[in-house]
């Protein structure tokens, strides 16, 4: 009887695994195609590019996506707008999307480690003094990029970035998926079935009170996060970010080479990353920082305010200096 029950459980588990794998394969087959890959010391990085034939007198914009997203998200949002002004490189952060880690997820969970890998790739492609643009978790990476490589970048533009460590428990799904035994089981027999139904709702929740662009989930390849490996890596990153920010904030006031290079753009309705707790706190420590508060913007501001954000970035680069302090921006028309 015990053997019979065990066999039934095993068969049901295999059926559930096969169904999840089939559903995941179907989702992946409908995603935008991959771009290019480049090897760094700690990762195999996937990236998308536009206007790479731009002259060396033009800027190169390096786009870094947020949690649960990928290179397509940032390229769909800002790629065409920025390509009118220079070359654009949009990276899957190490271990996320189509990128893979050569180091442990825990080691690569430090935004500074991710910044180093991306910078290796940028330099290997022959680009100097990039303009770093990161959204959400990628905004933390953009800040880390400036912190450790400030003298080697033209500017760091942070869109809705987590900056200050927060308190409270980790998200339950992240805790479960990183647990031994139960994590791999859930990732391979439940994740796709449950997650596929949440992609649109989750995206719309992040965009609130604004609306995601038509076809956003498909065009931004959001389903890539349902890969078991990438989902677990993303969970490890999410759970460790607050600890890395705690260490990073010790030197926010002393970041060599960053004077007049730090621009934060943040929506005042963002429910995911609070503007006062994060951006305003950095401004208090660094009065030279420029903080643009977008009236009515949510967390997906890079999609809903892309023309305005591009214009502000180009204005910032043309000025060659910050306009220190907090300034409100409103949509025209």
C-alpha atoms as a PDB file:
ATOM      1  CA  UNK A   1       0.000   0.000   0.000  1.00  0.00           C
ATOM      2  CA  UNK A   2       2.847   2.398   0.888  1.00  0.00           C
ATOM      3  CA  UNK A   3       4.520   1.612  -2.429  1.00  0.00           C
ATOM      4  CA  UNK A   4       1.238   2.213  -4.241  1.00  0.00           C
ATOM      5  CA  UNK A   5       0.694   5.605  -2.641  1.00  0.00           C
ATOM      6  CA  UNK A   6       4.268   6.596  -3.356  1.00  0.00           C
ATOM      7  CA  UNK A   7       3.892   5.592  -6.976  1.00  0.00           C
ATOM      8  CA  UNK A   8       0.675   7.584  -7.354  1.00  0.00           C
ATOM      9  CA  UNK A   9       2.277  10.665  -5.843  1.00  0.00           C
ATOM     10  CA  UNK A  10       5.278  10.257  -8.128  1.00  0.00           C
ATOM     11  CA  UNK A  11       3.108   9.884 -11.224  1.00  0.00           C
ATOM     12  CA  UNK A  12       0.996  12.904 -10.309  1.00  0.00           C
ATOM     13  CA  UNK A  13       4.158  14.894  -9.708  1.00  0.00           C
ATOM     14  CA  UNK A  14       5.584  13.921 -13.098  1.00  0.00           C
ATOM     15  CA  UNK A  15       2.330  14.882 -14.802  1.00  0.00           C
ATOM     16  CA  UNK A  16       2.318  18.253 -13.063  1.00  0.00           C
ATOM     17  CA  UNK A  17       5.979  18.799 -13.986  1.00  0.00           C
ATOM     18  CA  UNK A  18       5.358  17.903 -17.633  1.00  0.00           C
ATOM     19  CA  UNK A  19       2.324  20.187 -17.813  1.00  0.00           C
ATOM     20  CA  UNK A  20       4.270  23.089 -16.323  1.00  0.00           C
ATOM     21  CA  UNK A  21       7.194  22.490 -18.698  1.00  0.00           C
ATOM     22  CA  UNK A  22       4.850  22.336 -21.715  1.00  0.00           C
ATOM     23  CA  UNK A  23       3.054  25.534 -20.701  1.00  0.00           C
ATOM     24  CA  UNK A  24       6.396  27.282 -20.112  1.00  0.00           C
ATOM     25  CA  UNK A  25       7.717  26.194 -23.521  1.00  0.00           C
ATOM     26  CA  UNK A  26       4.581  27.584 -25.161  1.00  0.00           C
ATOM     27  CA  UNK A  27       4.990  30.906 -23.351  1.00  0.00           C
ATOM     28  CA  UNK A  28       8.667  31.161 -24.248  1.00  0.00           C
ATOM     29  CA  UNK A  29       8.020  30.406 -27.919  1.00  0.00           C
ATOM     30  CA  UNK A  30       5.903  33.536 -28.227  1.00  0.00           C
ATOM     31  CA  UNK A  31       8.472  35.914 -26.774  1.00  0.00           C
ATOM     32  CA  UNK A  32      10.597  38.417 -28.714  1.00  0.00           C
ATOM     33  CA  UNK A  33      13.796  36.792 -30.026  1.00  0.00           C
ATOM     34  CA  UNK A  34      17.076  36.923 -28.155  1.00  0.00           C
ATOM     35  CA  UNK A  35      19.660  39.570 -28.922  1.00  0.00           C
ATOM     36  CA  UNK A  36      23.396  39.023 -28.427  1.00  0.00           C
ATOM     37  CA  UNK A  37      25.555  37.475 -25.700  1.00  0.00           C
ATOM     38  CA  UNK A  38      28.876  38.508 -24.197  1.00  0.00           C
ATOM     39  CA  UNK A  39      31.079  36.767 -21.640  1.00  0.00           C
ATOM     40  CA  UNK A  40      32.311  38.533 -18.508  1.00  0.00           C
ATOM     41  CA  UNK A  41      34.260  37.180 -15.542  1.00  0.00           C
ATOM     42  CA  UNK A  42      31.154  36.282 -13.566  1.00  0.00           C
ATOM     43  CA  UNK A  43      28.357  35.958 -16.096  1.00  0.00           C
ATOM     44  CA  UNK A  44      27.151  35.302 -19.606  1.00  0.00           C
ATOM     45  CA  UNK A  45      25.230  38.493 -20.328  1.00  0.00           C
ATOM     46  CA  UNK A  46      22.399  38.802 -22.817  1.00  0.00           C
ATOM     47  CA  UNK A  47      21.824  42.255 -24.287  1.00  0.00           C
ATOM     48  CA  UNK A  48      19.835  44.145 -26.908  1.00  0.00           C
ATOM     49  CA  UNK A  49      21.249  47.044 -28.888  1.00  0.00           C
ATOM     50  CA  UNK A  50      20.172  49.940 -31.086  1.00  0.00           C
ATOM     51  CA  UNK A  51      22.110  52.450 -33.181  1.00  0.00           C
ATOM     52  CA  UNK A  52      25.490  50.915 -32.354  1.00  0.00           C
ATOM     53  CA  UNK A  53      26.882  52.616 -35.466  1.00  0.00           C
ATOM     54  CA  UNK A  54      26.571  55.979 -33.716  1.00  0.00           C
ATOM     55  CA  UNK A  55      29.812  57.928 -33.711  1.00  0.00           C
ATOM     56  CA  UNK A  56      32.098  58.063 -30.707  1.00  0.00           C
ATOM     57  CA  UNK A  57      31.073  61.690 -30.217  1.00  0.00           C
ATOM     58  CA  UNK A  58      27.581  60.448 -29.297  1.00  0.00           C
ATOM     59  CA  UNK A  59      26.670  59.046 -25.877  1.00  0.00           C
ATOM     60  CA  UNK A  60      26.148  55.363 -25.192  1.00  0.00           C
ATOM     61  CA  UNK A  61      23.149  54.649 -22.989  1.00  0.00           C
ATOM     62  CA  UNK A  62      23.297  51.530 -20.806  1.00  0.00           C
ATOM     63  CA  UNK A  63      19.844  50.374 -19.680  1.00  0.00           C
ATOM     64  CA  UNK A  64      19.431  48.222 -16.567  1.00  0.00           C
ATOM     65  CA  UNK A  65      16.043  46.667 -15.783  1.00  0.00           C
ATOM     66  CA  UNK A  66      14.215  46.150 -12.522  1.00  0.00           C
ATOM     67  CA  UNK A  67      13.139  43.104 -10.517  1.00  0.00           C
ATOM     68  CA  UNK A  68      11.185  40.444 -12.445  1.00  0.00           C
ATOM     69  CA  UNK A  69      11.883  42.264 -15.738  1.00  0.00           C
ATOM     70  CA  UNK A  70      14.563  41.928 -18.430  1.00  0.00           C
ATOM     71  CA  UNK A  71      16.366  43.793 -21.206  1.00  0.00           C
ATOM     72  CA  UNK A  72      13.257  43.927 -23.402  1.00  0.00           C
ATOM     73  CA  UNK A  73      11.379  45.946 -20.776  1.00  0.00           C
ATOM     74  CA  UNK A  74      13.879  48.804 -20.838  1.00  0.00           C
ATOM     75  CA  UNK A  75      14.435  48.653 -24.600  1.00  0.00           C
ATOM     76  CA  UNK A  76      10.699  48.773 -25.350  1.00  0.00           C
ATOM     77  CA  UNK A  77      10.358  51.737 -23.013  1.00  0.00           C
ATOM     78  CA  UNK A  78      13.342  53.907 -23.906  1.00  0.00           C
ATOM     79  CA  UNK A  79      15.266  52.263 -26.764  1.00  0.00           C
ATOM     80  CA  UNK A  80      13.790  54.139 -29.704  1.00  0.00           C
ATOM     81  CA  UNK A  81      13.718  57.454 -27.855  1.00  0.00           C
ATOM     82  CA  UNK A  82      17.361  57.266 -26.807  1.00  0.00           C
ATOM     83  CA  UNK A  83      18.622  55.774 -30.085  1.00  0.00           C
ATOM     84  CA  UNK A  84      17.879  59.134 -31.714  1.00  0.00           C
ATOM     85  CA  UNK A  85      20.724  60.541 -29.616  1.00  0.00           C
ATOM     86  CA  UNK A  86      23.310  57.732 -29.455  1.00  0.00           C
ATOM     87  CA  UNK A  87      23.963  54.025 -29.050  1.00  0.00           C
ATOM     88  CA  UNK A  88      21.730  52.007 -26.715  1.00  0.00           C
ATOM     89  CA  UNK A  89      22.643  48.805 -24.863  1.00  0.00           C
ATOM     90  CA  UNK A  90      20.010  47.090 -22.727  1.00  0.00           C
ATOM     91  CA  UNK A  91      21.234  44.236 -20.525  1.00  0.00           C
ATOM     92  CA  UNK A  92      19.577  41.314 -18.811  1.00  0.00           C
ATOM     93  CA  UNK A  93      21.106  41.640 -15.358  1.00  0.00           C
ATOM     94  CA  UNK A  94      23.328  38.679 -14.393  1.00  0.00           C
ATOM     95  CA  UNK A  95      21.233  35.553 -13.854  1.00  0.00           C
ATOM     96  CA  UNK A  96      17.979  37.163 -15.035  1.00  0.00           C
ATOM     97  CA  UNK A  97      16.171  36.854 -18.360  1.00  0.00           C
ATOM     98  CA  UNK A  98      18.514  35.094 -20.762  1.00  0.00           C
ATOM     99  CA  UNK A  99      21.693  35.942 -18.815  1.00  0.00           C
ATOM    100  CA  UNK A 100      23.392  33.322 -16.657  1.00  0.00           C
ATOM    101  CA  UNK A 101      25.642  33.503 -13.626  1.00  0.00           C
ATOM    102  CA  UNK A 102      29.042  31.888 -13.340  1.00  0.00           C
ATOM    103  CA  UNK A 103      29.085  32.755  -9.628  1.00  0.00           C
ATOM    104  CA  UNK A 104      26.539  31.960  -6.924  1.00  0.00           C
ATOM    105  CA  UNK A 105      23.290  33.926  -6.875  1.00  0.00           C
ATOM    106  CA  UNK A 106      24.118  35.095  -3.346  1.00  0.00           C
ATOM    107  CA  UNK A 107      27.460  36.536  -4.478  1.00  0.00           C
ATOM    108  CA  UNK A 108      25.876  38.195  -7.494  1.00  0.00           C
ATOM    109  CA  UNK A 109      22.984  39.643  -5.461  1.00  0.00           C
ATOM    110  CA  UNK A 110      25.110  42.718  -4.668  1.00  0.00           C
ATOM    111  CA  UNK A 111      24.223  45.592  -7.050  1.00  0.00           C
ATOM    112  CA  UNK A 112      27.910  46.476  -7.074  1.00  0.00           C
ATOM    113  CA  UNK A 113      28.801  43.011  -8.384  1.00  0.00           C
ATOM    114  CA  UNK A 114      26.208  43.342 -11.140  1.00  0.00           C
ATOM    115  CA  UNK A 115      27.509  46.805 -12.060  1.00  0.00           C
ATOM    116  CA  UNK A 116      31.032  45.417 -12.436  1.00  0.00           C
ATOM    117  CA  UNK A 117      29.866  42.659 -14.784  1.00  0.00           C
ATOM    118  CA  UNK A 118      27.889  45.063 -16.953  1.00  0.00           C
ATOM    119  CA  UNK A 119      30.778  47.531 -17.067  1.00  0.00           C
ATOM    120  CA  UNK A 120      33.136  44.759 -18.204  1.00  0.00           C
ATOM    121  CA  UNK A 121      30.774  44.111 -21.110  1.00  0.00           C
ATOM    122  CA  UNK A 122      30.438  47.798 -21.997  1.00  0.00           C
ATOM    123  CA  UNK A 123      34.198  48.274 -22.027  1.00  0.00           C
ATOM    124  CA  UNK A 124      34.723  45.066 -24.020  1.00  0.00           C
ATOM    125  CA  UNK A 125      32.433  46.513 -26.700  1.00  0.00           C
ATOM    126  CA  UNK A 126      34.679  49.553 -26.925  1.00  0.00           C
ATOM    127  CA  UNK A 127      32.519  52.119 -25.134  1.00  0.00           C
ATOM    128  CA  UNK A 128      33.767  54.669 -22.620  1.00  0.00           C
ATOM    129  CA  UNK A 129      31.934  56.987 -20.224  1.00  0.00           C
ATOM    130  CA  UNK A 130      28.467  55.420 -20.578  1.00  0.00           C
ATOM    131  CA  UNK A 131      25.260  57.033 -19.389  1.00  0.00           C
ATOM    132  CA  UNK A 132      23.777  54.533 -16.924  1.00  0.00           C
ATOM    133  CA  UNK A 133      19.977  54.367 -16.721  1.00  0.00           C
ATOM    134  CA  UNK A 134      18.420  51.918 -14.280  1.00  0.00           C
ATOM    135  CA  UNK A 135      14.822  51.364 -13.179  1.00  0.00           C
ATOM    136  CA  UNK A 136      13.747  50.017  -9.763  1.00  0.00           C
ATOM    137  CA  UNK A 137      16.236  47.234  -8.793  1.00  0.00           C
ATOM    138  CA  UNK A 138      18.205  48.408 -11.818  1.00  0.00           C
ATOM    139  CA  UNK A 139      18.167  51.869 -10.267  1.00  0.00           C
ATOM    140  CA  UNK A 140      19.957  50.426  -7.257  1.00  0.00           C
ATOM    141  CA  UNK A 141      22.473  48.962  -9.705  1.00  0.00           C
ATOM    142  CA  UNK A 142      22.836  52.372 -11.386  1.00  0.00           C
ATOM    143  CA  UNK A 143      23.563  53.893  -7.974  1.00  0.00           C
ATOM    144  CA  UNK A 144      26.087  51.136  -7.218  1.00  0.00           C
ATOM    145  CA  UNK A 145      27.621  51.726 -10.663  1.00  0.00           C
ATOM    146  CA  UNK A 146      28.183  55.371  -9.756  1.00  0.00           C
ATOM    147  CA  UNK A 147      29.433  54.433  -6.304  1.00  0.00           C
ATOM    148  CA  UNK A 148      32.240  52.168  -7.495  1.00  0.00           C
ATOM    149  CA  UNK A 149      32.821  53.450 -11.045  1.00  0.00           C
ATOM    150  CA  UNK A 150      31.872  57.116 -10.747  1.00  0.00           C
ATOM    151  CA  UNK A 151      34.889  58.387 -12.618  1.00  0.00           C
ATOM    152  CA  UNK A 152      34.199  56.041 -15.553  1.00  0.00           C
ATOM    153  CA  UNK A 153      30.623  57.115 -16.325  1.00  0.00           C
ATOM    154  CA  UNK A 154      29.060  60.245 -17.801  1.00  0.00           C
ATOM    155  CA  UNK A 155      25.976  60.110 -15.574  1.00  0.00           C
ATOM    156  CA  UNK A 156      23.815  57.815 -13.465  1.00  0.00           C
ATOM    157  CA  UNK A 157      20.075  58.197 -14.015  1.00  0.00           C
ATOM    158  CA  UNK A 158      17.982  56.323 -11.465  1.00  0.00           C
ATOM    159  CA  UNK A 159      14.285  55.707 -12.169  1.00  0.00           C
ATOM    160  CA  UNK A 160      12.285  54.869  -9.032  1.00  0.00           C
ATOM    161  CA  UNK A 161      15.319  53.324  -7.303  1.00  0.00           C
ATOM    162  CA  UNK A 162      15.394  51.545  -3.925  1.00  0.00           C
ATOM    163  CA  UNK A 163      18.125  53.434  -2.080  1.00  0.00           C
ATOM    164  CA  UNK A 164      17.488  52.976   1.645  1.00  0.00           C
ATOM    165  CA  UNK A 165      17.212  49.517   3.274  1.00  0.00           C
ATOM    166  CA  UNK A 166      13.675  48.677   4.361  1.00  0.00           C
ATOM    167  CA  UNK A 167      12.299  46.639   7.235  1.00  0.00           C
ATOM    168  CA  UNK A 168       9.845  43.772   7.391  1.00  0.00           C
ATOM    169  CA  UNK A 169       9.622  40.155   6.225  1.00  0.00           C
ATOM    170  CA  UNK A 170      10.561  38.939   2.766  1.00  0.00           C
ATOM    171  CA  UNK A 171       7.842  38.218   0.212  1.00  0.00           C
ATOM    172  CA  UNK A 172       6.448  34.748   0.899  1.00  0.00           C
ATOM    173  CA  UNK A 173       6.950  33.474  -2.657  1.00  0.00           C
ATOM    174  CA  UNK A 174      10.630  34.434  -2.559  1.00  0.00           C
ATOM    175  CA  UNK A 175      11.090  32.585   0.728  1.00  0.00           C
ATOM    176  CA  UNK A 176       9.390  29.438  -0.565  1.00  0.00           C
ATOM    177  CA  UNK A 177      11.170  29.241  -3.897  1.00  0.00           C
ATOM    178  CA  UNK A 178      14.604  29.532  -2.275  1.00  0.00           C
ATOM    179  CA  UNK A 179      13.992  26.743   0.251  1.00  0.00           C
ATOM    180  CA  UNK A 180      15.764  23.396  -0.246  1.00  0.00           C
ATOM    181  CA  UNK A 181      13.651  20.643  -1.841  1.00  0.00           C
ATOM    182  CA  UNK A 182      10.361  22.548  -1.741  1.00  0.00           C
ATOM    183  CA  UNK A 183      11.782  25.408  -3.816  1.00  0.00           C
ATOM    184  CA  UNK A 184      12.695  23.300  -6.874  1.00  0.00           C
ATOM    185  CA  UNK A 185       9.408  21.415  -6.613  1.00  0.00           C
ATOM    186  CA  UNK A 186       7.331  24.600  -6.639  1.00  0.00           C
ATOM    187  CA  UNK A 187       9.471  26.161  -9.383  1.00  0.00           C
ATOM    188  CA  UNK A 188       8.931  23.222 -11.711  1.00  0.00           C
ATOM    189  CA  UNK A 189       5.349  22.115 -11.086  1.00  0.00           C
ATOM    190  CA  UNK A 190       3.489  25.252  -9.893  1.00  0.00           C
ATOM    191  CA  UNK A 191       5.354  28.385 -11.009  1.00  0.00           C
ATOM    192  CA  UNK A 192       4.244  28.607 -14.636  1.00  0.00           C
ATOM    193  CA  UNK A 193       0.621  27.609 -14.022  1.00  0.00           C
ATOM    194  CA  UNK A 194       0.240  30.180 -11.262  1.00  0.00           C
ATOM    195  CA  UNK A 195       2.571  32.857 -12.606  1.00  0.00           C
ATOM    196  CA  UNK A 196       1.198  33.016 -16.147  1.00  0.00           C
ATOM    197  CA  UNK A 197      -2.156  34.132 -14.774  1.00  0.00           C
ATOM    198  CA  UNK A 198      -0.515  36.875 -12.704  1.00  0.00           C
ATOM    199  CA  UNK A 199       1.667  38.596 -15.310  1.00  0.00           C
ATOM    200  CA  UNK A 200      -0.892  41.111 -16.555  1.00  0.00           C
ATOM    201  CA  UNK A 201      -2.344  41.877 -13.129  1.00  0.00           C
ATOM    202  CA  UNK A 202       1.105  42.228 -11.589  1.00  0.00           C
ATOM    203  CA  UNK A 203       2.256  44.578 -14.334  1.00  0.00           C
ATOM    204  CA  UNK A 204      -0.847  46.704 -14.042  1.00  0.00           C
ATOM    205  CA  UNK A 205      -0.422  46.837 -10.275  1.00  0.00           C
ATOM    206  CA  UNK A 206       3.110  48.183 -10.710  1.00  0.00           C
ATOM    207  CA  UNK A 207       1.916  50.802 -13.197  1.00  0.00           C
ATOM    208  CA  UNK A 208      -0.885  52.091 -10.926  1.00  0.00           C
ATOM    209  CA  UNK A 209      -2.388  54.678 -11.090  1.00  0.00           C
ATOM    210  CA  UNK A 210      -1.312  54.692 -14.726  1.00  0.00           C
ATOM    211  CA  UNK A 211      -1.888  51.953 -17.291  1.00  0.00           C
ATOM    212  CA  UNK A 212       0.565  49.597 -18.948  1.00  0.00           C
ATOM    213  CA  UNK A 213       0.992  50.119 -22.706  1.00  0.00           C
ATOM    214  CA  UNK A 214      -0.993  47.786 -24.991  1.00  0.00           C
ATOM    215  CA  UNK A 215       0.842  44.487 -25.429  1.00  0.00           C
ATOM    216  CA  UNK A 216       3.268  45.296 -22.613  1.00  0.00           C
ATOM    217  CA  UNK A 217       3.516  41.780 -21.139  1.00  0.00           C
ATOM    218  CA  UNK A 218       4.266  40.275 -24.559  1.00  0.00           C
ATOM    219  CA  UNK A 219       6.531  43.017 -25.936  1.00  0.00           C
ATOM    220  CA  UNK A 220       8.566  43.287 -22.731  1.00  0.00           C
ATOM    221  CA  UNK A 221       8.921  39.466 -22.534  1.00  0.00           C
ATOM    222  CA  UNK A 222       7.775  39.483 -18.911  1.00  0.00           C
ATOM    223  CA  UNK A 223       7.194  35.710 -19.041  1.00  0.00           C
ATOM    224  CA  UNK A 224      10.966  35.188 -18.987  1.00  0.00           C
ATOM    225  CA  UNK A 225      10.745  35.509 -15.203  1.00  0.00           C
ATOM    226  CA  UNK A 226       8.796  32.217 -15.122  1.00  0.00           C
ATOM    227  CA  UNK A 227      11.926  30.239 -15.939  1.00  0.00           C
ATOM    228  CA  UNK A 228      12.661  28.314 -12.705  1.00  0.00           C
ATOM    229  CA  UNK A 229      16.340  29.301 -12.688  1.00  0.00           C
ATOM    230  CA  UNK A 230      15.654  32.986 -13.315  1.00  0.00           C
ATOM    231  CA  UNK A 231      12.771  33.078 -10.820  1.00  0.00           C
ATOM    232  CA  UNK A 232      14.925  31.658  -8.040  1.00  0.00           C
ATOM    233  CA  UNK A 233      17.784  34.025  -8.867  1.00  0.00           C
ATOM    234  CA  UNK A 234      15.391  36.972  -8.863  1.00  0.00           C
ATOM    235  CA  UNK A 235      14.089  35.858  -5.455  1.00  0.00           C
ATOM    236  CA  UNK A 236      17.610  35.659  -4.016  1.00  0.00           C
ATOM    237  CA  UNK A 237      18.319  39.158  -5.335  1.00  0.00           C
ATOM    238  CA  UNK A 238      15.090  40.565  -3.899  1.00  0.00           C
ATOM    239  CA  UNK A 239      15.723  39.076  -0.473  1.00  0.00           C
ATOM    240  CA  UNK A 240      19.302  40.336  -0.268  1.00  0.00           C
ATOM    241  CA  UNK A 241      18.957  43.833  -1.722  1.00  0.00           C
ATOM    242  CA  UNK A 242      18.091  45.522   1.571  1.00  0.00           C
ATOM    243  CA  UNK A 243      21.234  44.112   3.178  1.00  0.00           C
ATOM    244  CA  UNK A 244      23.423  45.409   0.350  1.00  0.00           C
ATOM    245  CA  UNK A 245      21.764  48.834   0.511  1.00  0.00           C
ATOM    246  CA  UNK A 246      22.526  48.919   4.226  1.00  0.00           C
ATOM    247  CA  UNK A 247      26.203  48.532   3.389  1.00  0.00           C
ATOM    248  CA  UNK A 248      26.106  50.847   0.373  1.00  0.00           C
ATOM    249  CA  UNK A 249      24.546  53.754   2.255  1.00  0.00           C
ATOM    250  CA  UNK A 250      27.610  54.027   4.490  1.00  0.00           C
ATOM    251  CA  UNK A 251      29.418  55.815   1.656  1.00  0.00           C
ATOM    252  CA  UNK A 252      26.615  57.672  -0.153  1.00  0.00           C
ATOM    253  CA  UNK A 253      28.132  60.978   0.923  1.00  0.00           C
ATOM    254  CA  UNK A 254      31.578  60.024  -0.352  1.00  0.00           C
ATOM    255  CA  UNK A 255      31.339  58.676  -3.901  1.00  0.00           C
ATOM    256  CA  UNK A 256      34.388  59.818  -5.929  1.00  0.00           C
ATOM    257  CA  UNK A 257      33.724  61.147  -9.398  1.00  0.00           C
ATOM    258  CA  UNK A 258      29.959  61.528  -8.979  1.00  0.00           C
ATOM    259  CA  UNK A 259      29.625  65.284  -8.508  1.00  0.00           C
ATOM    260  CA  UNK A 260      27.006  66.592 -10.999  1.00  0.00           C
ATOM    261  CA  UNK A 261      26.358  63.070 -12.296  1.00  0.00           C
ATOM    262  CA  UNK A 262      23.392  61.852 -10.230  1.00  0.00           C
ATOM    263  CA  UNK A 263      19.817  62.272 -11.486  1.00  0.00           C
ATOM    264  CA  UNK A 264      16.787  60.602  -9.886  1.00  0.00           C
ATOM    265  CA  UNK A 265      13.397  60.532 -11.607  1.00  0.00           C
ATOM    266  CA  UNK A 266      10.560  59.166  -9.499  1.00  0.00           C
ATOM    267  CA  UNK A 267       6.757  59.108  -9.576  1.00  0.00           C
ATOM    268  CA  UNK A 268       4.903  60.585  -6.616  1.00  0.00           C
ATOM    269  CA  UNK A 269       2.231  57.837  -6.794  1.00  0.00           C
ATOM    270  CA  UNK A 270       4.694  54.943  -6.783  1.00  0.00           C
ATOM    271  CA  UNK A 271       3.432  52.255  -4.385  1.00  0.00           C
ATOM    272  CA  UNK A 272       6.375  49.920  -4.954  1.00  0.00           C
ATOM    273  CA  UNK A 273       9.268  52.239  -4.060  1.00  0.00           C
ATOM    274  CA  UNK A 274       8.389  55.286  -1.976  1.00  0.00           C
ATOM    275  CA  UNK A 275       9.895  58.552  -3.205  1.00  0.00           C
ATOM    276  CA  UNK A 276      10.217  60.186   0.226  1.00  0.00           C
ATOM    277  CA  UNK A 277      11.763  57.181   1.954  1.00  0.00           C
ATOM    278  CA  UNK A 278      14.278  56.569  -0.823  1.00  0.00           C
ATOM    279  CA  UNK A 279      15.037  59.423  -3.241  1.00  0.00           C
ATOM    280  CA  UNK A 280      14.432  62.252  -0.795  1.00  0.00           C
ATOM    281  CA  UNK A 281      16.663  60.532   1.765  1.00  0.00           C
ATOM    282  CA  UNK A 282      19.575  60.447  -0.690  1.00  0.00           C
ATOM    283  CA  UNK A 283      18.975  64.112  -1.522  1.00  0.00           C
ATOM    284  CA  UNK A 284      19.251  64.915   2.179  1.00  0.00           C
ATOM    285  CA  UNK A 285      22.659  63.214   2.234  1.00  0.00           C
ATOM    286  CA  UNK A 286      23.740  64.543  -1.149  1.00  0.00           C
ATOM    287  CA  UNK A 287      22.361  68.069  -1.765  1.00  0.00           C
ATOM    288  CA  UNK A 288      24.057  68.059  -5.194  1.00  0.00           C
ATOM    289  CA  UNK A 289      21.650  65.357  -6.441  1.00  0.00           C
ATOM    290  CA  UNK A 290      18.823  66.368  -8.777  1.00  0.00           C
ATOM    291  CA  UNK A 291      15.454  64.755  -8.009  1.00  0.00           C
ATOM    292  CA  UNK A 292      12.609  65.092 -10.489  1.00  0.00           C
ATOM    293  CA  UNK A 293       9.204  64.224  -9.031  1.00  0.00           C
ATOM    294  CA  UNK A 294       6.719  63.210 -11.726  1.00  0.00           C
ATOM    295  CA  UNK A 295       3.211  64.209 -10.666  1.00  0.00           C
ATOM    296  CA  UNK A 296       0.832  61.260 -11.032  1.00  0.00           C
ATOM    297  CA  UNK A 297       3.428  58.701 -12.124  1.00  0.00           C
ATOM    298  CA  UNK A 298       3.567  55.131 -10.840  1.00  0.00           C
ATOM    299  CA  UNK A 299       6.395  52.595 -10.796  1.00  0.00           C
ATOM    300  CA  UNK A 300       6.464  51.931 -14.564  1.00  0.00           C
ATOM    301  CA  UNK A 301       7.269  55.572 -15.310  1.00  0.00           C
ATOM    302  CA  UNK A 302       9.829  54.571 -17.952  1.00  0.00           C
ATOM    303  CA  UNK A 303       6.920  53.405 -20.113  1.00  0.00           C
ATOM    304  CA  UNK A 304       4.306  56.015 -19.233  1.00  0.00           C
ATOM    305  CA  UNK A 305       6.644  59.040 -19.280  1.00  0.00           C
ATOM    306  CA  UNK A 306       9.257  57.903 -21.782  1.00  0.00           C
ATOM    307  CA  UNK A 307       9.318  61.054 -23.918  1.00  0.00           C
ATOM    308  CA  UNK A 308       9.558  63.282 -20.862  1.00  0.00           C
ATOM    309  CA  UNK A 309      12.252  61.111 -19.276  1.00  0.00           C
ATOM    310  CA  UNK A 310      14.316  61.110 -22.473  1.00  0.00           C
ATOM    311  CA  UNK A 311      14.041  64.896 -22.724  1.00  0.00           C
ATOM    312  CA  UNK A 312      15.139  65.283 -19.097  1.00  0.00           C
ATOM    313  CA  UNK A 313      18.118  62.974 -19.609  1.00  0.00           C
ATOM    314  CA  UNK A 314      19.264  64.899 -22.676  1.00  0.00           C
ATOM    315  CA  UNK A 315      18.769  68.202 -20.860  1.00  0.00           C
ATOM    316  CA  UNK A 316      20.775  66.861 -17.942  1.00  0.00           C
ATOM    317  CA  UNK A 317      23.636  65.751 -20.211  1.00  0.00           C
ATOM    318  CA  UNK A 318      23.614  69.019 -22.158  1.00  0.00           C
ATOM    319  CA  UNK A 319      23.756  71.125 -19.010  1.00  0.00           C
ATOM    320  CA  UNK A 320      26.795  69.218 -17.821  1.00  0.00           C
ATOM    321  CA  UNK A 321      25.694  69.799 -14.249  1.00  0.00           C
ATOM    322  CA  UNK A 322      22.801  69.063 -11.964  1.00  0.00           C
ATOM    323  CA  UNK A 323      20.132  71.500 -10.912  1.00  0.00           C
ATOM    324  CA  UNK A 324      20.306  70.449  -7.268  1.00  0.00           C
ATOM    325  CA  UNK A 325      17.193  69.757  -5.256  1.00  0.00           C
ATOM    326  CA  UNK A 326      13.709  68.401  -5.764  1.00  0.00           C
ATOM    327  CA  UNK A 327      11.670  69.634  -8.703  1.00  0.00           C
ATOM    328  CA  UNK A 328       8.139  68.725  -9.780  1.00  0.00           C
ATOM    329  CA  UNK A 329       7.344  67.825 -13.376  1.00  0.00           C
ATOM    330  CA  UNK A 330       3.824  67.573 -14.795  1.00  0.00           C
ATOM    331  CA  UNK A 331       2.649  66.113 -18.083  1.00  0.00           C
ATOM    332  CA  UNK A 332       1.810  68.692 -20.697  1.00  0.00           C
ATOM    333  CA  UNK A 333      -1.491  68.565 -22.519  1.00  0.00           C
END
